[in-house]
Amino acid sequence: MSAERRPPAVTLACVFIGVSGLLLLVNLISALTSWGSLELQEAVQSELDSGLLGDQDLSLATALEVLRYALLVLVVVAIAATVLAFATARGDRAARLVLTVLCGLGAVVFALSGFVGLLPAIFLAGSAFVLWSPESRVWFDVTNDRTPSPELLAKVATRAEERRASPELPPVYPGASAHGFDRPERRAVPSSVTTAAVTMLVSSLLVGSAVAVNVLMYLVRLADPSEYAVIFGDQPPPAETLYSLGDSERTVVLVVAVSTVLAVLSLLGFLVAIGLLLNRPRWRVPALVLSYVGLLGAATTVPLALPVAIAALVTIVLLRRRESREWSGHR
């Protein structure tokens, strides 16, 4: 392996972290430039009144000051993540170590934030794992004029041989070979397709679950407001909180209609991902189409749908790799 041949997984991980850092930085700067707006003050005051921030005696001015310093810290983290991702892609070992620590801390923070942070946590943990895979470790050693250990080189060679292997399936039934009815040989599912399918599967499940919870809350509140108060208290549906929607019947109809479309797309994504994992090469094109649709839809609601957009982008990149195209019969 040469220094010029960076493992594609390392490139993908660095691009994911770098782009995420840039998008986070842009949104943080946008929030800081409009600091002190009436909408922000109302949102912080609402959190203070609900007691979610813990200290009931915390004033609005103090809360805004603490929040501002927290955002400034996040600005530094976003810049550091972007710079470190670039340096890691160039083979810097120290940058890889620091970036791994940041990914680990970010994954823990996102995981503790609840259901919405599950997908970013998985991506960050996966990126940290990729940076220390055997192929990555060999590339970093060679790039920095270090000699990889024989055990590590043997492990990389074994994994490469396993990926190239294409096991031959048995005949459809005993004696079929004698009559010319052998099962056509099918190649093993490439690791890029498997990773894309798992990414698509997880994102589809998360989007579908979020849509189901949102629709359920709207329908319960529309049918019986008193029962809604008993179950959910003063917590509004997620769509109403994120997009400042009203609670009129027209809004409910619109939310249910959009949620139905999202639910259908999530179901299709789930089924297509299962098909890819079951070694169905013809399902690669439908998976690409659904990923492009998901990317375009999520791009209109960034940064709220940033995890979904990143998941769709990762799926597209993986399914367009050469081994994925060859697996499905496309050159």
C-alpha atoms as a PDB file:
ATOM      1  CA  MET A   1       0.000   0.000   0.000  1.00  0.00           C
ATOM      2  CA  SER A   2       1.390   3.408  -0.923  1.00  0.00           C
ATOM      3  CA  ALA A   3       1.000   6.757   0.708  1.00  0.00           C
ATOM      4  CA  GLU A   4      -1.037   7.968  -2.275  1.00  0.00           C
ATOM      5  CA  ARG A   5      -3.638   5.237  -1.856  1.00  0.00           C
ATOM      6  CA  ARG A   6      -5.668   6.547   1.042  1.00  0.00           C
ATOM      7  CA  PRO A   7      -8.356   4.044   2.144  1.00  0.00           C
ATOM      8  CA  PRO A   8     -11.770   5.222   0.881  1.00  0.00           C
ATOM      9  CA  ALA A   9     -13.244   4.709   4.355  1.00  0.00           C
ATOM     10  CA  VAL A  10     -10.763   7.216   5.816  1.00  0.00           C
ATOM     11  CA  THR A  11     -11.665   9.736   3.110  1.00  0.00           C
ATOM     12  CA  LEU A  12     -15.367   9.264   3.786  1.00  0.00           C
ATOM     13  CA  ALA A  13     -14.934   9.646   7.556  1.00  0.00           C
ATOM     14  CA  CYS A  14     -12.844  12.813   7.161  1.00  0.00           C
ATOM     15  CA  VAL A  15     -15.299  14.320   4.678  1.00  0.00           C
ATOM     16  CA  PHE A  16     -18.214  13.538   7.009  1.00  0.00           C
ATOM     17  CA  ILE A  17     -16.521  15.128  10.031  1.00  0.00           C
ATOM     18  CA  GLY A  18     -15.216  18.117   8.065  1.00  0.00           C
ATOM     19  CA  VAL A  19     -18.544  18.912   6.385  1.00  0.00           C
ATOM     20  CA  SER A  20     -20.421  18.457   9.669  1.00  0.00           C
ATOM     21  CA  GLY A  21     -17.996  20.832  11.383  1.00  0.00           C
ATOM     22  CA  LEU A  22     -18.437  23.444   8.662  1.00  0.00           C
ATOM     23  CA  LEU A  23     -22.239  23.238   8.757  1.00  0.00           C
ATOM     24  CA  LEU A  24     -22.214  23.457  12.547  1.00  0.00           C
ATOM     25  CA  LEU A  25     -19.906  26.472  12.364  1.00  0.00           C
ATOM     26  CA  VAL A  26     -22.163  28.278   9.878  1.00  0.00           C
ATOM     27  CA  ASN A  27     -25.239  27.732  12.035  1.00  0.00           C
ATOM     28  CA  LEU A  28     -23.434  28.784  15.215  1.00  0.00           C
ATOM     29  CA  ILE A  29     -22.220  31.999  13.600  1.00  0.00           C
ATOM     30  CA  SER A  30     -25.743  32.659  12.331  1.00  0.00           C
ATOM     31  CA  ALA A  31     -27.127  32.181  15.858  1.00  0.00           C
ATOM     32  CA  LEU A  32     -24.487  34.434  17.428  1.00  0.00           C
ATOM     33  CA  THR A  33     -24.986  37.235  14.880  1.00  0.00           C
ATOM     34  CA  SER A  34     -28.701  37.362  15.728  1.00  0.00           C
ATOM     35  CA  TRP A  35     -28.065  37.072  19.461  1.00  0.00           C
ATOM     36  CA  GLY A  36     -30.624  38.645  21.759  1.00  0.00           C
ATOM     37  CA  SER A  37     -33.545  38.334  19.341  1.00  0.00           C
ATOM     38  CA  LEU A  38     -37.047  38.150  20.736  1.00  0.00           C
ATOM     39  CA  GLU A  39     -37.507  34.566  19.519  1.00  0.00           C
ATOM     40  CA  LEU A  40     -34.364  33.446  21.349  1.00  0.00           C
ATOM     41  CA  GLN A  41     -35.361  35.181  24.567  1.00  0.00           C
ATOM     42  CA  GLU A  42     -38.814  33.602  24.448  1.00  0.00           C
ATOM     43  CA  ALA A  43     -37.351  30.142  23.822  1.00  0.00           C
ATOM     44  CA  VAL A  44     -34.869  30.425  26.715  1.00  0.00           C
ATOM     45  CA  GLN A  45     -37.530  31.838  29.025  1.00  0.00           C
ATOM     46  CA  SER A  46     -39.816  28.927  28.126  1.00  0.00           C
ATOM     47  CA  GLU A  47     -37.076  26.463  29.112  1.00  0.00           C
ATOM     48  CA  LEU A  48     -36.518  28.327  32.378  1.00  0.00           C
ATOM     49  CA  ASP A  49     -40.230  28.271  33.180  1.00  0.00           C
ATOM     50  CA  SER A  50     -40.458  24.540  32.484  1.00  0.00           C
ATOM     51  CA  GLY A  51     -37.594  23.792  34.872  1.00  0.00           C
ATOM     52  CA  LEU A  52     -35.641  21.797  32.270  1.00  0.00           C
ATOM     53  CA  LEU A  53     -32.516  23.847  32.940  1.00  0.00           C
ATOM     54  CA  GLY A  54     -32.491  22.863  36.572  1.00  0.00           C
ATOM     55  CA  ASP A  55     -32.011  26.111  38.538  1.00  0.00           C
ATOM     56  CA  GLN A  56     -35.388  27.773  38.993  1.00  0.00           C
ATOM     57  CA  ASP A  57     -33.744  31.025  40.228  1.00  0.00           C
ATOM     58  CA  LEU A  58     -31.637  31.484  37.085  1.00  0.00           C
ATOM     59  CA  SER A  59     -32.439  34.800  35.427  1.00  0.00           C
ATOM     60  CA  LEU A  60     -32.958  35.221  31.705  1.00  0.00           C
ATOM     61  CA  ALA A  61     -29.864  37.419  31.383  1.00  0.00           C
ATOM     62  CA  THR A  62     -27.675  34.866  33.164  1.00  0.00           C
ATOM     63  CA  ALA A  63     -29.065  32.004  31.093  1.00  0.00           C
ATOM     64  CA  LEU A  64     -28.395  33.897  27.857  1.00  0.00           C
ATOM     65  CA  GLU A  65     -24.840  34.669  28.966  1.00  0.00           C
ATOM     66  CA  VAL A  66     -24.136  31.020  29.833  1.00  0.00           C
ATOM     67  CA  LEU A  67     -25.649  29.903  26.535  1.00  0.00           C
ATOM     68  CA  ARG A  68     -23.539  32.410  24.604  1.00  0.00           C
ATOM     69  CA  TYR A  69     -20.316  31.103  26.146  1.00  0.00           C
ATOM     70  CA  ALA A  70     -21.428  27.540  25.407  1.00  0.00           C
ATOM     71  CA  LEU A  71     -21.960  28.441  21.746  1.00  0.00           C
ATOM     72  CA  LEU A  72     -18.536  30.084  21.609  1.00  0.00           C
ATOM     73  CA  VAL A  73     -16.998  26.852  22.910  1.00  0.00           C
ATOM     74  CA  LEU A  74     -18.878  24.953  20.218  1.00  0.00           C
ATOM     75  CA  VAL A  75     -17.496  27.354  17.606  1.00  0.00           C
ATOM     76  CA  VAL A  76     -13.972  26.421  18.687  1.00  0.00           C
ATOM     77  CA  VAL A  77     -14.879  22.720  18.598  1.00  0.00           C
ATOM     78  CA  ALA A  78     -16.404  23.035  15.104  1.00  0.00           C
ATOM     79  CA  ILE A  79     -13.300  24.819  13.777  1.00  0.00           C
ATOM     80  CA  ALA A  80     -11.027  22.260  15.426  1.00  0.00           C
ATOM     81  CA  ALA A  81     -13.010  19.341  13.991  1.00  0.00           C
ATOM     82  CA  THR A  82     -12.841  20.785  10.470  1.00  0.00           C
ATOM     83  CA  VAL A  83      -9.098  21.491  10.641  1.00  0.00           C
ATOM     84  CA  LEU A  84      -8.340  18.127  12.246  1.00  0.00           C
ATOM     85  CA  ALA A  85     -10.397  16.289   9.609  1.00  0.00           C
ATOM     86  CA  PHE A  86      -8.333  17.954   6.872  1.00  0.00           C
ATOM     87  CA  ALA A  87      -5.055  17.130   8.653  1.00  0.00           C
ATOM     88  CA  THR A  88      -6.159  13.541   9.268  1.00  0.00           C
ATOM     89  CA  ALA A  89      -6.975  13.099   5.590  1.00  0.00           C
ATOM     90  CA  ARG A  90      -3.378  14.113   4.863  1.00  0.00           C
ATOM     91  CA  GLY A  91      -2.085  11.382   7.178  1.00  0.00           C
ATOM     92  CA  ASP A  92      -1.273  13.308  10.365  1.00  0.00           C
ATOM     93  CA  ARG A  93      -1.164  10.810  13.243  1.00  0.00           C
ATOM     94  CA  ALA A  94      -1.562  13.390  16.023  1.00  0.00           C
ATOM     95  CA  ALA A  95      -4.600  14.897  14.286  1.00  0.00           C
ATOM     96  CA  ARG A  96      -6.129  11.426  13.999  1.00  0.00           C
ATOM     97  CA  LEU A  97      -5.721  10.880  17.748  1.00  0.00           C
ATOM     98  CA  VAL A  98      -7.302  14.211  18.733  1.00  0.00           C
ATOM     99  CA  LEU A  99     -10.067  13.783  16.153  1.00  0.00           C
ATOM    100  CA  THR A 100     -10.845  10.343  17.571  1.00  0.00           C
ATOM    101  CA  VAL A 101     -11.236  11.842  21.041  1.00  0.00           C
ATOM    102  CA  LEU A 102     -13.566  14.540  19.686  1.00  0.00           C
ATOM    103  CA  CYS A 103     -15.636  11.922  17.851  1.00  0.00           C
ATOM    104  CA  GLY A 104     -15.913   9.851  21.020  1.00  0.00           C
ATOM    105  CA  LEU A 105     -17.002  12.808  23.133  1.00  0.00           C
ATOM    106  CA  GLY A 106     -19.439  13.940  20.447  1.00  0.00           C
ATOM    107  CA  ALA A 107     -20.940  10.462  20.168  1.00  0.00           C
ATOM    108  CA  VAL A 108     -21.496  10.330  23.938  1.00  0.00           C
ATOM    109  CA  VAL A 109     -23.102  13.799  23.995  1.00  0.00           C
ATOM    110  CA  PHE A 110     -25.415  12.997  21.078  1.00  0.00           C
ATOM    111  CA  ALA A 111     -26.356   9.616  22.555  1.00  0.00           C
ATOM    112  CA  LEU A 112     -27.283  11.253  25.874  1.00  0.00           C
ATOM    113  CA  SER A 113     -29.388  13.886  24.080  1.00  0.00           C
ATOM    114  CA  GLY A 114     -32.039  11.286  23.318  1.00  0.00           C
ATOM    115  CA  PHE A 115     -33.640   9.724  20.271  1.00  0.00           C
ATOM    116  CA  VAL A 116     -32.812  12.583  17.885  1.00  0.00           C
ATOM    117  CA  GLY A 117     -29.093  12.299  18.604  1.00  0.00           C
ATOM    118  CA  LEU A 118     -28.875   8.560  18.000  1.00  0.00           C
ATOM    119  CA  LEU A 119     -28.002   8.756  14.294  1.00  0.00           C
ATOM    120  CA  PRO A 120     -25.223  11.388  14.681  1.00  0.00           C
ATOM    121  CA  ALA A 121     -23.818   9.344  17.575  1.00  0.00           C
ATOM    122  CA  ILE A 122     -23.658   6.244  15.364  1.00  0.00           C
ATOM    123  CA  PHE A 123     -21.905   8.166  12.557  1.00  0.00           C
ATOM    124  CA  LEU A 124     -19.342   9.694  14.908  1.00  0.00           C
ATOM    125  CA  ALA A 125     -18.610   6.367  16.572  1.00  0.00           C
ATOM    126  CA  GLY A 126     -18.297   4.736  13.141  1.00  0.00           C
ATOM    127  CA  SER A 127     -15.920   7.464  11.950  1.00  0.00           C
ATOM    128  CA  ALA A 128     -13.696   6.967  14.998  1.00  0.00           C
ATOM    129  CA  PHE A 129     -13.702   3.210  14.403  1.00  0.00           C
ATOM    130  CA  VAL A 130     -12.785   3.614  10.721  1.00  0.00           C
ATOM    131  CA  LEU A 131      -9.777   5.790  11.567  1.00  0.00           C
ATOM    132  CA  TRP A 132      -8.259   2.895  13.509  1.00  0.00           C
ATOM    133  CA  SER A 133      -9.147  -0.004  11.216  1.00  0.00           C
ATOM    134  CA  PRO A 134      -6.230  -2.195  10.062  1.00  0.00           C
ATOM    135  CA  GLU A 135      -6.221  -0.642   6.580  1.00  0.00           C
ATOM    136  CA  SER A 136      -6.185   2.847   8.071  1.00  0.00           C
ATOM    137  CA  ARG A 137      -3.390   2.027  10.487  1.00  0.00           C
ATOM    138  CA  VAL A 138      -1.221   0.645   7.654  1.00  0.00           C
ATOM    139  CA  TRP A 139      -1.849   3.746   5.537  1.00  0.00           C
ATOM    140  CA  PHE A 140      -0.988   6.102   8.393  1.00  0.00           C
ATOM    141  CA  ASP A 141       2.213   4.134   9.082  1.00  0.00           C
ATOM    142  CA  VAL A 142       3.314   4.198   5.437  1.00  0.00           C
ATOM    143  CA  THR A 143       2.421   7.893   5.053  1.00  0.00           C
ATOM    144  CA  ASN A 144       4.571   8.753   8.064  1.00  0.00           C
ATOM    145  CA  ASP A 145       7.532   6.587   6.917  1.00  0.00           C
ATOM    146  CA  ARG A 146       6.882   3.978   9.561  1.00  0.00           C
ATOM    147  CA  THR A 147       7.013   0.237   8.973  1.00  0.00           C
ATOM    148  CA  PRO A 148       3.702  -1.528   9.709  1.00  0.00           C
ATOM    149  CA  SER A 149       3.952  -4.625  11.845  1.00  0.00           C
ATOM    150  CA  PRO A 150       3.891  -7.988  10.015  1.00  0.00           C
ATOM    151  CA  GLU A 151       0.773  -8.993  11.969  1.00  0.00           C
ATOM    152  CA  LEU A 152      -1.055  -5.874  10.804  1.00  0.00           C
ATOM    153  CA  LEU A 153       0.001  -6.392   7.182  1.00  0.00           C
ATOM    154  CA  ALA A 154      -1.136 -10.025   7.351  1.00  0.00           C
ATOM    155  CA  LYS A 155      -4.520  -8.979   8.723  1.00  0.00           C
ATOM    156  CA  VAL A 156      -4.997  -6.419   5.936  1.00  0.00           C
ATOM    157  CA  ALA A 157      -3.998  -8.977   3.294  1.00  0.00           C
ATOM    158  CA  THR A 158      -6.442 -11.526   4.729  1.00  0.00           C
ATOM    159  CA  ARG A 159      -9.310  -9.032   4.770  1.00  0.00           C
ATOM    160  CA  ALA A 160      -8.569  -8.005   1.180  1.00  0.00           C
ATOM    161  CA  GLU A 161      -8.565 -11.642   0.074  1.00  0.00           C
ATOM    162  CA  GLU A 162     -11.876 -12.267   1.828  1.00  0.00           C
ATOM    163  CA  ARG A 163     -13.443  -9.265   0.072  1.00  0.00           C
ATOM    164  CA  ARG A 164     -12.251 -10.525  -3.321  1.00  0.00           C
ATOM    165  CA  ALA A 165     -13.586 -13.997  -2.684  1.00  0.00           C
ATOM    166  CA  SER A 166     -16.849 -14.871  -4.378  1.00  0.00           C
ATOM    167  CA  PRO A 167     -18.200 -18.091  -2.891  1.00  0.00           C
ATOM    168  CA  GLU A 168     -20.076 -20.352  -5.225  1.00  0.00           C
ATOM    169  CA  LEU A 169     -23.596 -21.222  -4.104  1.00  0.00           C
ATOM    170  CA  PRO A 170     -24.871 -24.819  -4.132  1.00  0.00           C
ATOM    171  CA  PRO A 171     -27.311 -26.003  -6.824  1.00  0.00           C
ATOM    172  CA  VAL A 172     -31.019 -25.280  -6.443  1.00  0.00           C
ATOM    173  CA  TYR A 173     -31.717 -28.932  -5.515  1.00  0.00           C
ATOM    174  CA  PRO A 174     -29.700 -32.159  -5.291  1.00  0.00           C
ATOM    175  CA  GLY A 175     -28.905 -33.501  -8.753  1.00  0.00           C
ATOM    176  CA  ALA A 176     -29.622 -30.217 -10.506  1.00  0.00           C
ATOM    177  CA  SER A 177     -26.088 -30.045 -11.918  1.00  0.00           C
ATOM    178  CA  ALA A 178     -26.641 -33.224 -13.898  1.00  0.00           C
ATOM    179  CA  HIS A 179     -29.615 -31.640 -15.685  1.00  0.00           C
ATOM    180  CA  GLY A 180     -28.017 -28.257 -16.343  1.00  0.00           C
ATOM    181  CA  PHE A 181     -30.063 -26.347 -13.775  1.00  0.00           C
ATOM    182  CA  ASP A 182     -27.297 -24.969 -11.590  1.00  0.00           C
ATOM    183  CA  ARG A 183     -28.058 -21.871  -9.577  1.00  0.00           C
ATOM    184  CA  PRO A 184     -26.326 -18.893 -11.244  1.00  0.00           C
ATOM    185  CA  GLU A 185     -23.283 -17.751  -9.331  1.00  0.00           C
ATOM    186  CA  ARG A 186     -23.913 -14.677  -7.171  1.00  0.00           C
ATOM    187  CA  ARG A 187     -21.158 -12.501  -5.821  1.00  0.00           C
ATOM    188  CA  ALA A 188     -20.859 -11.790  -2.125  1.00  0.00           C
ATOM    189  CA  VAL A 189     -22.250  -8.457  -0.946  1.00  0.00           C
ATOM    190  CA  PRO A 190     -19.392  -5.894  -0.957  1.00  0.00           C
ATOM    191  CA  SER A 191     -18.599  -4.163   2.317  1.00  0.00           C
ATOM    192  CA  SER A 192     -19.539  -0.802   0.781  1.00  0.00           C
ATOM    193  CA  VAL A 193     -23.049  -2.086  -0.034  1.00  0.00           C
ATOM    194  CA  THR A 194     -23.407  -3.610   3.430  1.00  0.00           C
ATOM    195  CA  THR A 195     -22.411  -0.327   5.086  1.00  0.00           C
ATOM    196  CA  ALA A 196     -24.775   1.630   2.832  1.00  0.00           C
ATOM    197  CA  ALA A 197     -27.628  -0.776   3.604  1.00  0.00           C
ATOM    198  CA  VAL A 198     -27.071  -0.562   7.360  1.00  0.00           C
ATOM    199  CA  THR A 199     -26.920   3.243   7.151  1.00  0.00           C
ATOM    200  CA  MET A 200     -30.137   3.316   5.143  1.00  0.00           C
ATOM    201  CA  LEU A 201     -31.797   0.846   7.513  1.00  0.00           C
ATOM    202  CA  VAL A 202     -30.957   2.827  10.656  1.00  0.00           C
ATOM    203  CA  SER A 203     -31.929   6.208   9.169  1.00  0.00           C
ATOM    204  CA  SER A 204     -35.225   4.791   7.844  1.00  0.00           C
ATOM    205  CA  LEU A 205     -36.088   3.360  11.256  1.00  0.00           C
ATOM    206  CA  LEU A 206     -35.245   6.622  13.016  1.00  0.00           C
ATOM    207  CA  VAL A 207     -37.211   8.790  10.575  1.00  0.00           C
ATOM    208  CA  GLY A 208     -40.171   6.408  10.638  1.00  0.00           C
ATOM    209  CA  SER A 209     -40.204   6.302  14.425  1.00  0.00           C
ATOM    210  CA  ALA A 210     -39.964  10.099  14.713  1.00  0.00           C
ATOM    211  CA  VAL A 211     -42.808  10.526  12.217  1.00  0.00           C
ATOM    212  CA  ALA A 212     -44.991   8.006  14.074  1.00  0.00           C
ATOM    213  CA  VAL A 213     -44.465   9.750  17.424  1.00  0.00           C
ATOM    214  CA  ASN A 214     -45.191  13.150  15.889  1.00  0.00           C
ATOM    215  CA  VAL A 215     -48.424  12.018  14.201  1.00  0.00           C
ATOM    216  CA  LEU A 216     -49.573  10.197  17.333  1.00  0.00           C
ATOM    217  CA  MET A 217     -49.132  13.317  19.465  1.00  0.00           C
ATOM    218  CA  TYR A 218     -51.038  15.478  16.986  1.00  0.00           C
ATOM    219  CA  LEU A 219     -53.900  13.018  16.650  1.00  0.00           C
ATOM    220  CA  VAL A 220     -54.240  12.512  20.406  1.00  0.00           C
ATOM    221  CA  ARG A 221     -54.312  16.265  21.010  1.00  0.00           C
ATOM    222  CA  LEU A 222     -56.887  16.753  18.248  1.00  0.00           C
ATOM    223  CA  ALA A 223     -59.123  13.934  19.518  1.00  0.00           C
ATOM    224  CA  ASP A 224     -58.928  14.602  23.271  1.00  0.00           C
ATOM    225  CA  PRO A 225     -56.895  17.580  24.558  1.00  0.00           C
ATOM    226  CA  SER A 226     -57.430  16.540  28.181  1.00  0.00           C
ATOM    227  CA  GLU A 227     -56.028  13.064  27.527  1.00  0.00           C
ATOM    228  CA  TYR A 228     -53.096  14.651  25.707  1.00  0.00           C
ATOM    229  CA  ALA A 229     -52.353  16.767  28.783  1.00  0.00           C
ATOM    230  CA  VAL A 230     -52.400  13.656  30.962  1.00  0.00           C
ATOM    231  CA  ILE A 231     -50.016  11.724  28.687  1.00  0.00           C
ATOM    232  CA  PHE A 232     -47.651  14.418  27.417  1.00  0.00           C
ATOM    233  CA  GLY A 233     -48.201  17.324  29.812  1.00  0.00           C
ATOM    234  CA  ASP A 234     -47.268  20.719  28.322  1.00  0.00           C
ATOM    235  CA  GLN A 235     -44.881  19.188  25.772  1.00  0.00           C
ATOM    236  CA  PRO A 236     -45.965  20.136  22.223  1.00  0.00           C
ATOM    237  CA  PRO A 237     -45.422  17.797  19.251  1.00  0.00           C
ATOM    238  CA  PRO A 238     -41.859  17.928  17.855  1.00  0.00           C
ATOM    239  CA  ALA A 239     -42.946  19.436  14.524  1.00  0.00           C
ATOM    240  CA  GLU A 240     -44.668  22.313  16.320  1.00  0.00           C
ATOM    241  CA  THR A 241     -41.551  23.028  18.386  1.00  0.00           C
ATOM    242  CA  LEU A 242     -39.053  22.770  15.532  1.00  0.00           C
ATOM    243  CA  TYR A 243     -40.990  24.604  12.842  1.00  0.00           C
ATOM    244  CA  SER A 244     -43.135  26.995  14.944  1.00  0.00           C
ATOM    245  CA  LEU A 245     -46.365  25.507  13.628  1.00  0.00           C
ATOM    246  CA  GLY A 246     -49.773  26.304  15.020  1.00  0.00           C
ATOM    247  CA  ASP A 247     -52.267  23.857  16.433  1.00  0.00           C
ATOM    248  CA  SER A 248     -55.181  24.461  14.027  1.00  0.00           C
ATOM    249  CA  GLU A 249     -56.948  21.598  12.272  1.00  0.00           C
ATOM    250  CA  ARG A 250     -55.460  22.740   8.967  1.00  0.00           C
ATOM    251  CA  THR A 251     -51.982  22.425  10.432  1.00  0.00           C
ATOM    252  CA  VAL A 252     -52.791  18.951  11.717  1.00  0.00           C
ATOM    253  CA  VAL A 253     -53.991  17.867   8.259  1.00  0.00           C
ATOM    254  CA  LEU A 254     -50.807  19.241   6.683  1.00  0.00           C
ATOM    255  CA  VAL A 255     -48.577  17.516   9.255  1.00  0.00           C
ATOM    256  CA  VAL A 256     -50.395  14.206   8.822  1.00  0.00           C
ATOM    257  CA  ALA A 257     -50.129  14.438   5.013  1.00  0.00           C
ATOM    258  CA  VAL A 258     -46.399  15.207   5.071  1.00  0.00           C
ATOM    259  CA  SER A 259     -45.843  12.556   7.729  1.00  0.00           C
ATOM    260  CA  THR A 260     -47.640   9.985   5.589  1.00  0.00           C
ATOM    261  CA  VAL A 261     -45.268  10.669   2.694  1.00  0.00           C
ATOM    262  CA  LEU A 262     -42.280  10.413   5.034  1.00  0.00           C
ATOM    263  CA  ALA A 263     -43.621   7.180   6.506  1.00  0.00           C
ATOM    264  CA  VAL A 264     -43.998   5.636   3.028  1.00  0.00           C
ATOM    265  CA  LEU A 265     -40.468   6.702   2.072  1.00  0.00           C
ATOM    266  CA  SER A 266     -39.116   5.310   5.357  1.00  0.00           C
ATOM    267  CA  LEU A 267     -40.870   2.000   4.750  1.00  0.00           C
ATOM    268  CA  LEU A 268     -39.507   1.801   1.213  1.00  0.00           C
ATOM    269  CA  GLY A 269     -36.026   2.631   2.479  1.00  0.00           C
ATOM    270  CA  PHE A 270     -36.289  -0.077   5.120  1.00  0.00           C
ATOM    271  CA  LEU A 271     -37.404  -2.707   2.577  1.00  0.00           C
ATOM    272  CA  VAL A 272     -34.753  -1.733   0.016  1.00  0.00           C
ATOM    273  CA  ALA A 273     -32.033  -1.858   2.682  1.00  0.00           C
ATOM    274  CA  ILE A 274     -33.168  -5.349   3.658  1.00  0.00           C
ATOM    275  CA  GLY A 275     -33.025  -6.331  -0.020  1.00  0.00           C
ATOM    276  CA  LEU A 276     -29.439  -5.115  -0.305  1.00  0.00           C
ATOM    277  CA  LEU A 277     -28.437  -7.094   2.782  1.00  0.00           C
ATOM    278  CA  LEU A 278     -30.107 -10.168   1.229  1.00  0.00           C
ATOM    279  CA  ASN A 279     -27.825  -9.846  -1.811  1.00  0.00           C
ATOM    280  CA  ARG A 280     -30.302  -8.366  -4.305  1.00  0.00           C
ATOM    281  CA  PRO A 281     -28.079  -6.412  -6.762  1.00  0.00           C
ATOM    282  CA  ARG A 282     -31.057  -5.016  -8.702  1.00  0.00           C
ATOM    283  CA  TRP A 283     -32.124  -3.070  -5.611  1.00  0.00           C
ATOM    284  CA  ARG A 284     -29.059  -0.830  -5.754  1.00  0.00           C
ATOM    285  CA  VAL A 285     -30.714   1.608  -8.192  1.00  0.00           C
ATOM    286  CA  PRO A 286     -33.924   1.998  -6.104  1.00  0.00           C
ATOM    287  CA  ALA A 287     -31.691   2.551  -3.067  1.00  0.00           C
ATOM    288  CA  LEU A 288     -29.850   5.320  -4.918  1.00  0.00           C
ATOM    289  CA  VAL A 289     -33.124   6.956  -6.016  1.00  0.00           C
ATOM    290  CA  LEU A 290     -34.501   6.919  -2.461  1.00  0.00           C
ATOM    291  CA  SER A 291     -31.211   8.307  -1.135  1.00  0.00           C
ATOM    292  CA  TYR A 292     -31.270  11.191  -3.615  1.00  0.00           C
ATOM    293  CA  VAL A 293     -34.886  11.945  -2.655  1.00  0.00           C
ATOM    294  CA  GLY A 294     -33.963  11.842   1.017  1.00  0.00           C
ATOM    295  CA  LEU A 295     -30.951  14.098   0.469  1.00  0.00           C
ATOM    296  CA  LEU A 296     -33.011  16.708  -1.411  1.00  0.00           C
ATOM    297  CA  GLY A 297     -35.787  16.606   1.181  1.00  0.00           C
ATOM    298  CA  ALA A 298     -33.436  16.833   4.150  1.00  0.00           C
ATOM    299  CA  ALA A 299     -31.430  19.647   2.532  1.00  0.00           C
ATOM    300  CA  THR A 300     -34.502  21.905   2.706  1.00  0.00           C
ATOM    301  CA  THR A 301     -34.648  21.599   6.498  1.00  0.00           C
ATOM    302  CA  VAL A 302     -30.927  21.716   7.403  1.00  0.00           C
ATOM    303  CA  PRO A 303     -29.694  21.890  10.139  1.00  0.00           C
ATOM    304  CA  LEU A 304     -32.684  20.116  11.713  1.00  0.00           C
ATOM    305  CA  ALA A 305     -32.466  17.207   9.269  1.00  0.00           C
ATOM    306  CA  LEU A 306     -28.664  17.262   9.030  1.00  0.00           C
ATOM    307  CA  PRO A 307     -28.240  13.646  10.272  1.00  0.00           C
ATOM    308  CA  VAL A 308     -30.679  12.399   7.616  1.00  0.00           C
ATOM    309  CA  ALA A 309     -28.921  14.411   4.902  1.00  0.00           C
ATOM    310  CA  ILE A 310     -25.551  13.013   5.938  1.00  0.00           C
ATOM    311  CA  ALA A 311     -26.944   9.459   6.039  1.00  0.00           C
ATOM    312  CA  ALA A 312     -28.328   9.862   2.507  1.00  0.00           C
ATOM    313  CA  LEU A 313     -25.037  11.330   1.272  1.00  0.00           C
ATOM    314  CA  VAL A 314     -23.020   8.490   2.824  1.00  0.00           C
ATOM    315  CA  THR A 315     -25.344   5.929   1.214  1.00  0.00           C
ATOM    316  CA  ILE A 316     -25.001   7.570  -2.202  1.00  0.00           C
ATOM    317  CA  VAL A 317     -21.205   7.677  -2.006  1.00  0.00           C
ATOM    318  CA  LEU A 318     -20.980   4.030  -0.958  1.00  0.00           C
ATOM    319  CA  LEU A 319     -23.422   2.755  -3.571  1.00  0.00           C
ATOM    320  CA  ARG A 320     -21.595   4.618  -6.332  1.00  0.00           C
ATOM    321  CA  ARG A 321     -18.237   3.046  -5.538  1.00  0.00           C
ATOM    322  CA  ARG A 322     -16.767   0.748  -8.188  1.00  0.00           C
ATOM    323  CA  GLU A 323     -17.255  -2.497  -6.253  1.00  0.00           C
ATOM    324  CA  SER A 324     -20.911  -1.567  -5.656  1.00  0.00           C
ATOM    325  CA  ARG A 325     -21.469  -0.879  -9.352  1.00  0.00           C
ATOM    326  CA  GLU A 326     -19.758  -4.097 -10.381  1.00  0.00           C
ATOM    327  CA  TRP A 327     -21.831  -6.043  -7.857  1.00  0.00           C
ATOM    328  CA  SER A 328     -25.029  -4.784  -9.485  1.00  0.00           C
ATOM    329  CA  GLY A 329     -23.714  -5.287 -13.026  1.00  0.00           C
ATOM    330  CA  HIS A 330     -23.048  -1.601 -13.760  1.00  0.00           C
ATOM    331  CA  ARG A 331     -19.590  -0.480 -14.856  1.00  0.00           C
END
